[in-house]
Amino acid sequence: MKKILIVLCLVTSSANADMFTPSHSCSKPIKPYEFTSEWQLDNFKRDVDYYRECINRFVEEQNDAVNTHQNAAQDAIQDWNDFVSWELN
């Protein structure tokens, strides 16, 4: 019975996870065909840095969410295991 619950939890979790897939809202910088000034080059480099930082923040947020969900799943499994160990034996 324990194995069935764990499998059901995993199937349910992956089904719910696929309902909404977040995506970043970072804007890619547009590289000119040719840089005509130092100012233009500096602005492009700054925009590239902003884009990288935005992507990194998004990835960190997603990784934090993954960890939160994995911890919640582990807590639920532990609750089940405790129940089986203490109430059913």
C-alpha atoms as a PDB file:
ATOM      1  CA  MET A   1       0.000   0.000   0.000  1.00  0.00           C
ATOM      2  CA  LYS A   2       2.901   2.337   0.745  1.00  0.00           C
ATOM      3  CA  LYS A   3       4.305   1.929  -2.766  1.00  0.00           C
ATOM      4  CA  ILE A   4       0.919   2.677  -4.332  1.00  0.00           C
ATOM      5  CA  LEU A   5       0.596   6.002  -2.499  1.00  0.00           C
ATOM      6  CA  ILE A   6       4.080   7.121  -3.475  1.00  0.00           C
ATOM      7  CA  VAL A   7       3.419   6.299  -7.127  1.00  0.00           C
ATOM      8  CA  LEU A   8       0.083   8.118  -7.023  1.00  0.00           C
ATOM      9  CA  CYS A   9       1.747  11.168  -5.472  1.00  0.00           C
ATOM     10  CA  LEU A  10       4.394  11.235  -8.184  1.00  0.00           C
ATOM     11  CA  VAL A  11       1.858  10.822 -11.010  1.00  0.00           C
ATOM     12  CA  THR A  12      -0.413  13.504  -9.567  1.00  0.00           C
ATOM     13  CA  SER A  13       2.489  15.890  -9.016  1.00  0.00           C
ATOM     14  CA  SER A  14       3.798  15.566 -12.545  1.00  0.00           C
ATOM     15  CA  ALA A  15       0.317  15.996 -13.995  1.00  0.00           C
ATOM     16  CA  ASN A  16      -0.200  19.208 -12.035  1.00  0.00           C
ATOM     17  CA  ALA A  17       3.285  20.476 -12.832  1.00  0.00           C
ATOM     18  CA  ASP A  18       2.578  20.296 -16.562  1.00  0.00           C
ATOM     19  CA  MET A  19      -0.560  22.436 -16.322  1.00  0.00           C
ATOM     20  CA  PHE A  20       1.448  25.646 -15.961  1.00  0.00           C
ATOM     21  CA  THR A  21       4.964  26.087 -17.230  1.00  0.00           C
ATOM     22  CA  PRO A  22       6.467  29.419 -16.273  1.00  0.00           C
ATOM     23  CA  SER A  23       8.718  31.252 -18.672  1.00  0.00           C
ATOM     24  CA  HIS A  24      11.022  34.145 -18.142  1.00  0.00           C
ATOM     25  CA  SER A  25      10.078  37.665 -19.172  1.00  0.00           C
ATOM     26  CA  CYS A  26      13.638  38.770 -19.881  1.00  0.00           C
ATOM     27  CA  SER A  27      14.273  40.849 -22.985  1.00  0.00           C
ATOM     28  CA  LYS A  28      17.146  39.894 -25.256  1.00  0.00           C
ATOM     29  CA  PRO A  29      19.320  42.806 -26.303  1.00  0.00           C
ATOM     30  CA  ILE A  30      19.407  43.575 -29.994  1.00  0.00           C
ATOM     31  CA  LYS A  31      22.886  43.600 -31.406  1.00  0.00           C
ATOM     32  CA  PRO A  32      23.442  46.183 -34.110  1.00  0.00           C
ATOM     33  CA  TYR A  33      24.962  45.026 -37.367  1.00  0.00           C
ATOM     34  CA  GLU A  34      27.845  47.364 -36.628  1.00  0.00           C
ATOM     35  CA  PHE A  35      28.727  49.446 -33.575  1.00  0.00           C
ATOM     36  CA  THR A  36      29.120  53.072 -34.630  1.00  0.00           C
ATOM     37  CA  SER A  37      30.246  54.462 -31.288  1.00  0.00           C
ATOM     38  CA  GLU A  38      31.716  53.516 -27.946  1.00  0.00           C
ATOM     39  CA  TRP A  39      28.462  54.628 -26.333  1.00  0.00           C
ATOM     40  CA  GLN A  40      26.493  52.156 -28.457  1.00  0.00           C
ATOM     41  CA  LEU A  41      28.894  49.330 -27.561  1.00  0.00           C
ATOM     42  CA  ASP A  42      28.720  50.190 -23.846  1.00  0.00           C
ATOM     43  CA  ASN A  43      24.926  50.209 -23.930  1.00  0.00           C
ATOM     44  CA  PHE A  44      24.841  46.849 -25.660  1.00  0.00           C
ATOM     45  CA  LYS A  45      27.216  45.350 -23.078  1.00  0.00           C
ATOM     46  CA  ARG A  46      25.052  46.767 -20.275  1.00  0.00           C
ATOM     47  CA  ASP A  47      21.940  45.274 -21.882  1.00  0.00           C
ATOM     48  CA  VAL A  48      23.689  41.890 -22.196  1.00  0.00           C
ATOM     49  CA  ASP A  49      24.536  42.044 -18.482  1.00  0.00           C
ATOM     50  CA  TYR A  50      20.904  42.868 -17.596  1.00  0.00           C
ATOM     51  CA  TYR A  51      19.692  39.984 -19.742  1.00  0.00           C
ATOM     52  CA  ARG A  52      22.121  37.536 -18.078  1.00  0.00           C
ATOM     53  CA  GLU A  53      21.105  38.747 -14.605  1.00  0.00           C
ATOM     54  CA  CYS A  54      17.422  38.406 -15.461  1.00  0.00           C
ATOM     55  CA  ILE A  55      17.889  34.849 -16.739  1.00  0.00           C
ATOM     56  CA  ASN A  56      19.956  33.951 -13.663  1.00  0.00           C
ATOM     57  CA  ARG A  57      17.243  35.305 -11.335  1.00  0.00           C
ATOM     58  CA  PHE A  58      14.593  33.300 -13.177  1.00  0.00           C
ATOM     59  CA  VAL A  59      16.666  30.100 -12.968  1.00  0.00           C
ATOM     60  CA  GLU A  60      17.286  30.648  -9.252  1.00  0.00           C
ATOM     61  CA  GLU A  61      13.562  31.178  -8.638  1.00  0.00           C
ATOM     62  CA  GLN A  62      12.729  27.989 -10.516  1.00  0.00           C
ATOM     63  CA  ASN A  63      15.379  26.002  -8.647  1.00  0.00           C
ATOM     64  CA  ASP A  64      14.031  27.336  -5.337  1.00  0.00           C
ATOM     65  CA  ALA A  65      10.536  26.236  -6.371  1.00  0.00           C
ATOM     66  CA  VAL A  66      11.842  22.765  -7.275  1.00  0.00           C
ATOM     67  CA  ASN A  67      13.460  22.457  -3.857  1.00  0.00           C
ATOM     68  CA  THR A  68      10.272  23.599  -2.136  1.00  0.00           C
ATOM     69  CA  HIS A  69       8.190  21.023  -4.004  1.00  0.00           C
ATOM     70  CA  GLN A  70      10.693  18.231  -3.406  1.00  0.00           C
ATOM     71  CA  ASN A  71      10.714  19.033   0.311  1.00  0.00           C
ATOM     72  CA  ALA A  72       6.909  19.022   0.402  1.00  0.00           C
ATOM     73  CA  ALA A  73       6.846  15.643  -1.341  1.00  0.00           C
ATOM     74  CA  GLN A  74       9.421  14.227   1.078  1.00  0.00           C
ATOM     75  CA  ASP A  75       7.403  15.539   4.045  1.00  0.00           C
ATOM     76  CA  ALA A  76       4.263  13.849   2.706  1.00  0.00           C
ATOM     77  CA  ILE A  77       6.119  10.579   2.205  1.00  0.00           C
ATOM     78  CA  GLN A  78       7.491  10.823   5.736  1.00  0.00           C
ATOM     79  CA  ASP A  79       3.973  11.432   7.081  1.00  0.00           C
ATOM     80  CA  TRP A  80       2.776   8.305   5.300  1.00  0.00           C
ATOM     81  CA  ASN A  81       5.713   6.242   6.514  1.00  0.00           C
ATOM     82  CA  ASP A  82       5.156   7.429  10.098  1.00  0.00           C
ATOM     83  CA  PHE A  83       1.468   6.567   9.842  1.00  0.00           C
ATOM     84  CA  VAL A  84       2.255   3.070   8.531  1.00  0.00           C
ATOM     85  CA  SER A  85       4.911   2.499  11.180  1.00  0.00           C
ATOM     86  CA  TRP A  86       2.918   3.773  14.161  1.00  0.00           C
ATOM     87  CA  GLU A  87      -0.738   3.225  13.295  1.00  0.00           C
ATOM     88  CA  LEU A  88      -0.842   0.137  11.104  1.00  0.00           C
ATOM     89  CA  ASN A  89       1.725  -2.035  12.865  1.00  0.00           C
END
